[in-house]
Amino acid sequence: MDVAYRLYRETDIEGMVGDVRRSVAWLKANALAYGVNPDRIVIGGGSAGGHIALLAAYTEGHPELTPPDTRGVDTSVPARYALLSPITQARAGCPPTLMMQGPKDIIAPLAPAQEMRGMLERAGVKAALLVLPQVDHGFDLIAPAWSPSARMSLWHAERFLALMAA
């Protein structure tokens, strides 16, 4: 299912993660009607959507990333940045993770993704990082039907999901 989350001005990042969590909960509740296995739901996204997807997957049950009316949050800047960074949430028990990125990404540098993959692997989490040569941020947005990088990323995503399902 393709779901949307609210954007800034309408909500903050905690609200965005909450929107993803509500979508997953709805899909699990309606899984039978859609022929979905509620125990095999994959969350994905690109750019900010990838960040939100990682936070939603890595912080399941985290009290500070529940809807605002049911939490008390430490809003100091360092604590908030740590809470909202997927790399600080990478630990044993996180779901298998596939990240795709270009080495020339000017918005999200490659080094943190490499560090996170290493952290996940050391924690025993199945993790892969596909580095696509010569691509920048949002490489899959323009002409994905014929873009070699977009087609390669789709091929690898399908293989990763097949391996995780096996």
N, C-alpha and C. Protein backbone atom coordinates (compact mmCIF):
# COMPACT_ATOMS: atom_id res chain seq x y z
N MET A 1 0.85 -1.17 0.00
CA MET A 1 0.00 0.00 0.00
C MET A 1 0.89 1.23 0.00
N ASP A 2 0.48 2.22 -0.66
CA ASP A 2 1.20 3.48 -0.70
C ASP A 2 0.46 4.43 0.23
N VAL A 3 1.12 4.84 1.29
CA VAL A 3 0.49 5.73 2.26
C VAL A 3 1.24 7.04 2.31
N ALA A 4 0.57 8.05 2.75
CA ALA A 4 1.18 9.37 2.89
C ALA A 4 1.22 9.74 4.37
N TYR A 5 2.17 10.57 4.70
CA TYR A 5 2.24 11.10 6.05
C TYR A 5 2.16 12.62 5.94
N ARG A 6 1.69 13.23 7.01
CA ARG A 6 1.60 14.68 7.01
C ARG A 6 3.00 15.29 6.95
N LEU A 7 3.08 16.48 6.40
CA LEU A 7 4.36 17.17 6.26
C LEU A 7 4.49 18.29 7.29
N TYR A 8 5.69 18.85 7.35
CA TYR A 8 5.96 19.98 8.25
C TYR A 8 4.99 21.12 7.96
N ARG A 9 4.67 21.83 8.92
CA ARG A 9 3.67 22.88 9.03
C ARG A 9 2.38 22.29 9.56
N GLU A 10 2.06 21.06 9.13
CA GLU A 10 0.87 20.41 9.66
C GLU A 10 1.22 19.58 10.90
N THR A 11 2.45 19.05 10.95
CA THR A 11 2.89 18.25 12.10
C THR A 11 4.41 18.29 12.19
N ASP A 12 4.95 17.72 13.26
CA ASP A 12 6.39 17.60 13.41
C ASP A 12 6.81 16.18 13.06
N ILE A 13 8.10 15.87 13.22
CA ILE A 13 8.59 14.55 12.81
C ILE A 13 7.96 13.43 13.64
N GLU A 14 7.70 13.70 14.91
CA GLU A 14 7.03 12.69 15.73
C GLU A 14 5.64 12.38 15.16
N GLY A 15 4.94 13.40 14.70
CA GLY A 15 3.63 13.19 14.08
C GLY A 15 3.73 12.40 12.78
N MET A 16 4.80 12.64 12.02
CA MET A 16 5.01 11.89 10.78
C MET A 16 5.23 10.41 11.08
N VAL A 17 6.05 10.12 12.09
CA VAL A 17 6.27 8.72 12.48
C VAL A 17 4.95 8.12 12.98
N GLY A 18 4.18 8.88 13.73
CA GLY A 18 2.87 8.42 14.18
C GLY A 18 1.95 8.09 13.03
N ASP A 19 1.99 8.90 11.97
CA ASP A 19 1.16 8.62 10.79
C ASP A 19 1.54 7.29 10.16
N VAL A 20 2.85 7.02 10.08
CA VAL A 20 3.30 5.74 9.53
C VAL A 20 2.84 4.60 10.43
N ARG A 21 2.99 4.78 11.74
CA ARG A 21 2.55 3.74 12.68
C ARG A 21 1.04 3.48 12.56
N ARG A 22 0.26 4.55 12.42
CA ARG A 22 -1.20 4.38 12.26
C ARG A 22 -1.50 3.62 10.97
N SER A 23 -0.76 3.90 9.91
CA SER A 23 -0.96 3.20 8.64
C SER A 23 -0.66 1.71 8.77
N VAL A 24 0.44 1.39 9.45
CA VAL A 24 0.79 -0.03 9.66
C VAL A 24 -0.28 -0.71 10.51
N ALA A 25 -0.74 -0.04 11.55
CA ALA A 25 -1.78 -0.61 12.41
C ALA A 25 -3.06 -0.86 11.60
N TRP A 26 -3.42 0.09 10.74
CA TRP A 26 -4.62 -0.07 9.91
C TRP A 26 -4.45 -1.25 8.96
N LEU A 27 -3.26 -1.36 8.35
CA LEU A 27 -3.02 -2.46 7.43
C LEU A 27 -3.09 -3.81 8.15
N LYS A 28 -2.53 -3.88 9.34
CA LYS A 28 -2.60 -5.13 10.11
C LYS A 28 -4.05 -5.47 10.45
N ALA A 29 -4.83 -4.46 10.83
CA ALA A 29 -6.24 -4.69 11.19
C ALA A 29 -7.07 -5.11 9.98
N ASN A 30 -6.66 -4.70 8.78
CA ASN A 30 -7.41 -5.00 7.56
C ASN A 30 -6.67 -5.99 6.65
N ALA A 31 -5.70 -6.68 7.20
CA ALA A 31 -4.84 -7.55 6.40
C ALA A 31 -5.62 -8.62 5.65
N LEU A 32 -6.56 -9.24 6.29
CA LEU A 32 -7.32 -10.32 5.66
C LEU A 32 -8.03 -9.83 4.40
N ALA A 33 -8.63 -8.65 4.48
CA ALA A 33 -9.37 -8.11 3.33
C ALA A 33 -8.47 -7.83 2.13
N TYR A 34 -7.19 -7.59 2.37
CA TYR A 34 -6.26 -7.26 1.29
C TYR A 34 -5.29 -8.40 0.97
N GLY A 35 -5.44 -9.54 1.63
CA GLY A 35 -4.55 -10.67 1.37
C GLY A 35 -3.13 -10.42 1.83
N VAL A 36 -2.97 -9.71 2.94
CA VAL A 36 -1.66 -9.35 3.46
C VAL A 36 -1.36 -10.18 4.70
N ASN A 37 -0.12 -10.64 4.80
CA ASN A 37 0.32 -11.31 6.01
C ASN A 37 0.69 -10.21 7.01
N PRO A 38 -0.05 -10.07 8.11
CA PRO A 38 0.21 -8.96 9.04
C PRO A 38 1.57 -9.04 9.74
N ASP A 39 2.22 -10.20 9.66
CA ASP A 39 3.54 -10.35 10.27
C ASP A 39 4.67 -10.09 9.28
N ARG A 40 4.36 -9.73 8.04
CA ARG A 40 5.38 -9.53 7.01
C ARG A 40 5.16 -8.19 6.28
N ILE A 41 5.05 -7.13 7.03
CA ILE A 41 4.83 -5.80 6.45
C ILE A 41 6.17 -5.09 6.31
N VAL A 42 6.40 -4.53 5.13
CA VAL A 42 7.64 -3.82 4.83
C VAL A 42 7.34 -2.33 4.79
N ILE A 43 8.20 -1.55 5.42
CA ILE A 43 8.07 -0.09 5.38
C ILE A 43 9.24 0.44 4.57
N GLY A 44 8.97 1.34 3.64
CA GLY A 44 10.04 1.90 2.83
C GLY A 44 9.75 3.34 2.47
N GLY A 45 10.74 4.01 1.96
CA GLY A 45 10.56 5.38 1.53
C GLY A 45 11.85 5.93 0.98
N GLY A 46 11.74 7.03 0.30
CA GLY A 46 12.92 7.68 -0.26
C GLY A 46 13.12 9.03 0.40
N SER A 47 14.36 9.41 0.56
CA SER A 47 14.74 10.70 1.13
C SER A 47 14.15 10.82 2.54
N ALA A 48 13.37 11.86 2.80
CA ALA A 48 12.77 12.03 4.12
C ALA A 48 11.86 10.85 4.46
N GLY A 49 11.20 10.29 3.45
CA GLY A 49 10.35 9.12 3.67
C GLY A 49 11.14 7.92 4.16
N GLY A 50 12.37 7.78 3.70
CA GLY A 50 13.24 6.71 4.19
C GLY A 50 13.60 6.93 5.64
N HIS A 51 13.88 8.17 6.00
CA HIS A 51 14.20 8.52 7.38
C HIS A 51 13.01 8.19 8.29
N ILE A 52 11.82 8.60 7.87
CA ILE A 52 10.61 8.34 8.65
C ILE A 52 10.36 6.83 8.75
N ALA A 53 10.57 6.10 7.64
CA ALA A 53 10.36 4.65 7.65
C ALA A 53 11.32 3.97 8.63
N LEU A 54 12.59 4.38 8.61
CA LEU A 54 13.56 3.79 9.54
C LEU A 54 13.18 4.08 10.99
N LEU A 55 12.78 5.32 11.28
CA LEU A 55 12.37 5.65 12.65
C LEU A 55 11.17 4.82 13.08
N ALA A 56 10.18 4.69 12.20
CA ALA A 56 8.99 3.91 12.55
C ALA A 56 9.35 2.45 12.80
N ALA A 57 10.25 1.91 11.98
CA ALA A 57 10.63 0.50 12.14
C ALA A 57 11.53 0.26 13.34
N TYR A 58 12.44 1.17 13.60
CA TYR A 58 13.44 0.97 14.65
C TYR A 58 12.96 1.35 16.04
N THR A 59 11.88 2.08 16.16
CA THR A 59 11.46 2.58 17.47
C THR A 59 10.09 2.07 17.88
N GLU A 60 9.72 0.90 17.42
CA GLU A 60 8.42 0.34 17.77
C GLU A 60 8.25 0.30 19.29
N GLY A 61 7.16 0.86 19.76
CA GLY A 61 6.88 0.88 21.19
C GLY A 61 7.59 1.98 21.97
N HIS A 62 8.38 2.80 21.30
CA HIS A 62 9.11 3.86 22.00
C HIS A 62 8.12 4.89 22.53
N PRO A 63 8.13 5.16 23.82
CA PRO A 63 7.12 6.05 24.39
C PRO A 63 7.17 7.49 23.88
N GLU A 64 8.33 7.94 23.43
CA GLU A 64 8.42 9.32 22.96
C GLU A 64 8.00 9.49 21.50
N LEU A 65 7.77 8.39 20.81
CA LEU A 65 7.32 8.48 19.43
C LEU A 65 5.92 7.91 19.26
N THR A 66 5.12 8.11 20.30
CA THR A 66 3.70 7.79 20.24
C THR A 66 2.95 9.09 20.00
N PRO A 67 1.68 9.04 19.68
CA PRO A 67 0.94 10.28 19.43
C PRO A 67 1.12 11.29 20.55
N PRO A 68 1.19 12.58 20.23
CA PRO A 68 1.50 13.64 21.19
C PRO A 68 0.60 13.71 22.41
N ASP A 69 -0.64 13.32 22.27
CA ASP A 69 -1.56 13.43 23.42
C ASP A 69 -1.32 12.35 24.47
N THR A 70 -0.41 11.42 24.22
CA THR A 70 -0.18 10.34 25.17
C THR A 70 1.28 10.25 25.62
N ARG A 71 2.04 11.35 25.46
CA ARG A 71 3.45 11.27 25.82
C ARG A 71 3.95 12.54 26.48
N GLY A 72 5.05 12.40 27.17
CA GLY A 72 5.77 13.53 27.73
C GLY A 72 7.17 13.47 27.14
N VAL A 73 7.56 14.43 26.34
CA VAL A 73 8.81 14.37 25.59
C VAL A 73 9.85 15.33 26.14
N ASP A 74 11.08 14.86 26.22
CA ASP A 74 12.21 15.73 26.53
C ASP A 74 12.51 16.49 25.23
N THR A 75 12.24 17.76 25.18
CA THR A 75 12.40 18.53 23.94
C THR A 75 13.73 19.27 23.88
N SER A 76 14.67 18.97 24.78
CA SER A 76 15.97 19.61 24.68
C SER A 76 16.61 19.19 23.36
N VAL A 77 17.40 20.06 22.74
CA VAL A 77 17.88 19.80 21.37
C VAL A 77 18.71 18.53 21.25
N PRO A 78 19.75 18.27 22.07
CA PRO A 78 20.51 17.04 21.86
C PRO A 78 19.67 15.77 22.04
N ALA A 79 18.81 15.76 23.04
CA ALA A 79 17.97 14.58 23.27
C ALA A 79 17.02 14.37 22.10
N ARG A 80 16.47 15.43 21.58
CA ARG A 80 15.52 15.32 20.46
C ARG A 80 16.24 14.83 19.20
N TYR A 81 17.42 15.36 18.91
CA TYR A 81 18.17 14.90 17.75
C TYR A 81 18.52 13.42 17.88
N ALA A 82 18.93 13.00 19.05
CA ALA A 82 19.25 11.59 19.26
C ALA A 82 18.02 10.71 19.07
N LEU A 83 16.89 11.16 19.58
CA LEU A 83 15.65 10.40 19.43
C LEU A 83 15.27 10.26 17.97
N LEU A 84 15.45 11.32 17.19
CA LEU A 84 14.94 11.36 15.83
C LEU A 84 15.95 10.93 14.77
N SER A 85 17.07 10.38 15.19
CA SER A 85 18.08 9.91 14.25
C SER A 85 18.06 8.39 14.17
N PRO A 86 17.80 7.82 13.00
CA PRO A 86 17.79 6.36 12.90
C PRO A 86 19.09 5.72 13.35
N ILE A 87 20.23 6.39 13.15
CA ILE A 87 21.51 5.78 13.51
C ILE A 87 21.62 5.57 15.03
N THR A 88 21.00 6.43 15.82
CA THR A 88 21.05 6.24 17.27
C THR A 88 20.06 5.17 17.72
N GLN A 89 19.17 4.78 16.84
CA GLN A 89 18.19 3.73 17.17
C GLN A 89 18.63 2.36 16.66
N ALA A 90 19.70 2.29 15.88
CA ALA A 90 20.18 1.03 15.31
C ALA A 90 20.69 0.13 16.44
N ARG A 91 20.11 -1.05 16.57
CA ARG A 91 20.46 -1.97 17.65
C ARG A 91 19.94 -3.36 17.32
N ALA A 92 20.32 -4.33 18.14
CA ALA A 92 19.78 -5.68 18.00
C ALA A 92 18.25 -5.60 18.09
N GLY A 93 17.58 -6.39 17.29
CA GLY A 93 16.12 -6.40 17.28
C GLY A 93 15.51 -5.53 16.21
N CYS A 94 16.32 -4.68 15.55
CA CYS A 94 15.79 -3.89 14.44
C CYS A 94 15.48 -4.84 13.28
N PRO A 95 14.54 -4.47 12.43
CA PRO A 95 14.21 -5.34 11.30
C PRO A 95 15.32 -5.32 10.24
N PRO A 96 15.36 -6.35 9.38
CA PRO A 96 16.31 -6.33 8.27
C PRO A 96 16.18 -5.02 7.50
N THR A 97 17.32 -4.48 7.08
CA THR A 97 17.33 -3.14 6.49
C THR A 97 18.13 -3.13 5.20
N LEU A 98 17.55 -2.55 4.16
CA LEU A 98 18.24 -2.29 2.91
C LEU A 98 18.26 -0.78 2.70
N MET A 99 19.45 -0.23 2.54
CA MET A 99 19.61 1.19 2.24
C MET A 99 20.23 1.32 0.85
N MET A 100 19.80 2.31 0.09
CA MET A 100 20.34 2.57 -1.24
C MET A 100 20.72 4.03 -1.33
N GLN A 101 21.89 4.29 -1.85
CA GLN A 101 22.36 5.66 -1.88
C GLN A 101 23.47 5.81 -2.91
N GLY A 102 23.64 7.03 -3.36
CA GLY A 102 24.74 7.33 -4.26
C GLY A 102 25.90 7.96 -3.51
N PRO A 103 27.11 7.74 -3.99
CA PRO A 103 28.27 8.32 -3.32
C PRO A 103 28.36 9.83 -3.54
N LYS A 104 27.61 10.36 -4.48
CA LYS A 104 27.64 11.79 -4.78
C LYS A 104 26.44 12.54 -4.21
N ASP A 105 25.74 11.92 -3.27
CA ASP A 105 24.56 12.53 -2.66
C ASP A 105 24.98 13.77 -1.87
N ILE A 106 24.48 14.92 -2.29
CA ILE A 106 24.88 16.17 -1.63
C ILE A 106 23.98 16.51 -0.45
N ILE A 107 22.87 15.80 -0.29
CA ILE A 107 21.95 16.07 0.82
C ILE A 107 22.21 15.12 1.99
N ALA A 108 22.41 13.86 1.69
CA ALA A 108 22.66 12.85 2.73
C ALA A 108 23.98 12.16 2.41
N PRO A 109 25.05 12.50 3.12
CA PRO A 109 26.35 11.89 2.85
C PRO A 109 26.33 10.37 3.03
N LEU A 110 27.20 9.71 2.31
CA LEU A 110 27.28 8.25 2.34
C LEU A 110 27.82 7.71 3.67
N ALA A 111 28.74 8.40 4.29
CA ALA A 111 29.42 7.89 5.50
C ALA A 111 28.45 7.48 6.61
N PRO A 112 27.42 8.26 6.96
CA PRO A 112 26.51 7.80 8.01
C PRO A 112 25.77 6.51 7.64
N ALA A 113 25.42 6.34 6.38
CA ALA A 113 24.76 5.09 5.96
C ALA A 113 25.72 3.91 6.11
N GLN A 114 26.99 4.11 5.78
CA GLN A 114 27.98 3.06 5.96
C GLN A 114 28.16 2.72 7.44
N GLU A 115 28.18 3.76 8.27
CA GLU A 115 28.31 3.56 9.72
C GLU A 115 27.10 2.80 10.27
N MET A 116 25.90 3.17 9.81
CA MET A 116 24.70 2.52 10.30
C MET A 116 24.66 1.06 9.87
N ARG A 117 25.04 0.77 8.63
CA ARG A 117 25.08 -0.62 8.19
C ARG A 117 26.02 -1.42 9.10
N GLY A 118 27.18 -0.89 9.39
CA GLY A 118 28.12 -1.57 10.27
C GLY A 118 27.55 -1.79 11.66
N MET A 119 26.90 -0.79 12.20
CA MET A 119 26.29 -0.91 13.53
C MET A 119 25.23 -2.01 13.54
N LEU A 120 24.38 -2.03 12.51
CA LEU A 120 23.33 -3.05 12.43
C LEU A 120 23.93 -4.44 12.31
N GLU A 121 24.94 -4.58 11.46
CA GLU A 121 25.58 -5.89 11.28
C GLU A 121 26.22 -6.37 12.59
N ARG A 122 26.91 -5.48 13.29
CA ARG A 122 27.53 -5.85 14.57
C ARG A 122 26.48 -6.24 15.61
N ALA A 123 25.27 -5.70 15.47
CA ALA A 123 24.18 -6.02 16.39
C ALA A 123 23.44 -7.28 15.97
N GLY A 124 23.86 -7.90 14.86
CA GLY A 124 23.22 -9.12 14.40
C GLY A 124 22.01 -8.91 13.51
N VAL A 125 21.83 -7.69 13.02
CA VAL A 125 20.70 -7.37 12.14
C VAL A 125 21.15 -7.54 10.69
N LYS A 126 20.33 -8.19 9.89
CA LYS A 126 20.62 -8.31 8.46
C LYS A 126 20.49 -6.93 7.85
N ALA A 127 21.60 -6.43 7.28
CA ALA A 127 21.60 -5.08 6.73
C ALA A 127 22.45 -5.05 5.47
N ALA A 128 21.99 -4.28 4.50
CA ALA A 128 22.74 -4.13 3.25
C ALA A 128 22.69 -2.67 2.83
N LEU A 129 23.77 -2.23 2.22
CA LEU A 129 23.86 -0.88 1.68
C LEU A 129 24.27 -1.00 0.23
N LEU A 130 23.38 -0.61 -0.66
CA LEU A 130 23.67 -0.61 -2.09
C LEU A 130 24.14 0.80 -2.46
N VAL A 131 25.39 0.91 -2.88
CA VAL A 131 25.93 2.20 -3.31
C VAL A 131 25.87 2.23 -4.82
N LEU A 132 25.04 3.11 -5.34
CA LEU A 132 24.82 3.22 -6.79
C LEU A 132 25.77 4.25 -7.37
N PRO A 133 26.64 3.84 -8.28
CA PRO A 133 27.64 4.78 -8.80
C PRO A 133 27.01 5.95 -9.55
N GLN A 134 27.62 7.09 -9.41
CA GLN A 134 27.27 8.29 -10.18
C GLN A 134 25.86 8.82 -9.94
N VAL A 135 25.25 8.51 -8.80
CA VAL A 135 23.90 9.04 -8.56
C VAL A 135 23.91 10.01 -7.38
N ASP A 136 22.94 10.92 -7.42
CA ASP A 136 22.76 11.93 -6.39
C ASP A 136 21.44 11.64 -5.67
N HIS A 137 21.09 12.50 -4.77
CA HIS A 137 19.86 12.38 -3.99
C HIS A 137 18.66 12.40 -4.94
N GLY A 138 17.69 11.54 -4.71
CA GLY A 138 16.48 11.52 -5.53
C GLY A 138 16.70 10.93 -6.91
N PHE A 139 17.70 10.08 -7.06
CA PHE A 139 18.05 9.51 -8.36
C PHE A 139 16.90 8.73 -9.00
N ASP A 140 15.96 8.26 -8.20
CA ASP A 140 14.87 7.43 -8.72
C ASP A 140 13.61 8.22 -9.05
N LEU A 141 13.68 9.54 -8.99
CA LEU A 141 12.49 10.35 -9.23
C LEU A 141 12.25 10.69 -10.70
N ILE A 142 13.31 10.72 -11.49
CA ILE A 142 13.17 11.12 -12.89
C ILE A 142 13.27 9.88 -13.77
N ALA A 143 12.24 9.64 -14.54
CA ALA A 143 12.17 8.54 -15.50
C ALA A 143 12.54 7.18 -14.89
N PRO A 144 11.88 6.79 -13.81
CA PRO A 144 12.25 5.52 -13.17
C PRO A 144 12.05 4.30 -14.06
N ALA A 145 11.19 4.41 -15.07
CA ALA A 145 10.95 3.26 -15.94
C ALA A 145 12.16 2.90 -16.78
N TRP A 146 13.00 3.88 -17.10
CA TRP A 146 14.17 3.57 -17.93
C TRP A 146 15.50 3.97 -17.31
N SER A 147 15.48 4.64 -16.20
CA SER A 147 16.72 5.03 -15.53
C SER A 147 17.46 3.78 -15.05
N PRO A 148 18.71 3.58 -15.50
CA PRO A 148 19.46 2.39 -15.05
C PRO A 148 19.58 2.32 -13.52
N SER A 149 19.83 3.43 -12.87
CA SER A 149 19.97 3.42 -11.40
C SER A 149 18.66 3.06 -10.72
N ALA A 150 17.56 3.62 -11.20
CA ALA A 150 16.26 3.32 -10.60
C ALA A 150 15.89 1.86 -10.83
N ARG A 151 16.15 1.35 -12.02
CA ARG A 151 15.84 -0.06 -12.31
C ARG A 151 16.72 -0.99 -11.47
N MET A 152 17.99 -0.63 -11.31
CA MET A 152 18.90 -1.44 -10.49
C MET A 152 18.44 -1.44 -9.04
N SER A 153 18.00 -0.29 -8.53
CA SER A 153 17.56 -0.23 -7.13
C SER A 153 16.30 -1.08 -6.93
N LEU A 154 15.39 -1.06 -7.89
CA LEU A 154 14.18 -1.88 -7.80
C LEU A 154 14.55 -3.37 -7.82
N TRP A 155 15.47 -3.75 -8.71
CA TRP A 155 15.91 -5.14 -8.79
C TRP A 155 16.48 -5.59 -7.46
N HIS A 156 17.34 -4.78 -6.86
CA HIS A 156 17.95 -5.14 -5.58
C HIS A 156 16.93 -5.15 -4.45
N ALA A 157 15.98 -4.25 -4.47
CA ALA A 157 14.92 -4.25 -3.44
C ALA A 157 14.12 -5.55 -3.52
N GLU A 158 13.77 -5.96 -4.74
CA GLU A 158 13.02 -7.21 -4.91
C GLU A 158 13.83 -8.41 -4.41
N ARG A 159 15.11 -8.44 -4.70
CA ARG A 159 15.97 -9.55 -4.26
C ARG A 159 16.10 -9.55 -2.73
N PHE A 160 16.27 -8.38 -2.15
CA PHE A 160 16.38 -8.28 -0.69
C PHE A 160 15.12 -8.80 -0.02
N LEU A 161 13.96 -8.37 -0.52
CA LEU A 161 12.70 -8.83 0.05
C LEU A 161 12.51 -10.34 -0.12
N ALA A 162 12.93 -10.87 -1.27
CA ALA A 162 12.82 -12.31 -1.50
C ALA A 162 13.71 -13.08 -0.51
N LEU A 163 14.92 -12.57 -0.28
CA LEU A 163 15.81 -13.22 0.69
C LEU A 163 15.24 -13.18 2.10
N MET A 164 14.62 -12.06 2.46
CA MET A 164 14.06 -11.94 3.79
C MET A 164 12.82 -12.82 3.96
N ALA A 165 12.10 -13.06 2.87
CA ALA A 165 10.90 -13.89 2.93
C ALA A 165 11.26 -15.38 2.96
N ALA A 166 12.44 -15.72 2.47
CA ALA A 166 12.84 -17.14 2.38
C ALA A 166 13.15 -17.72 3.74
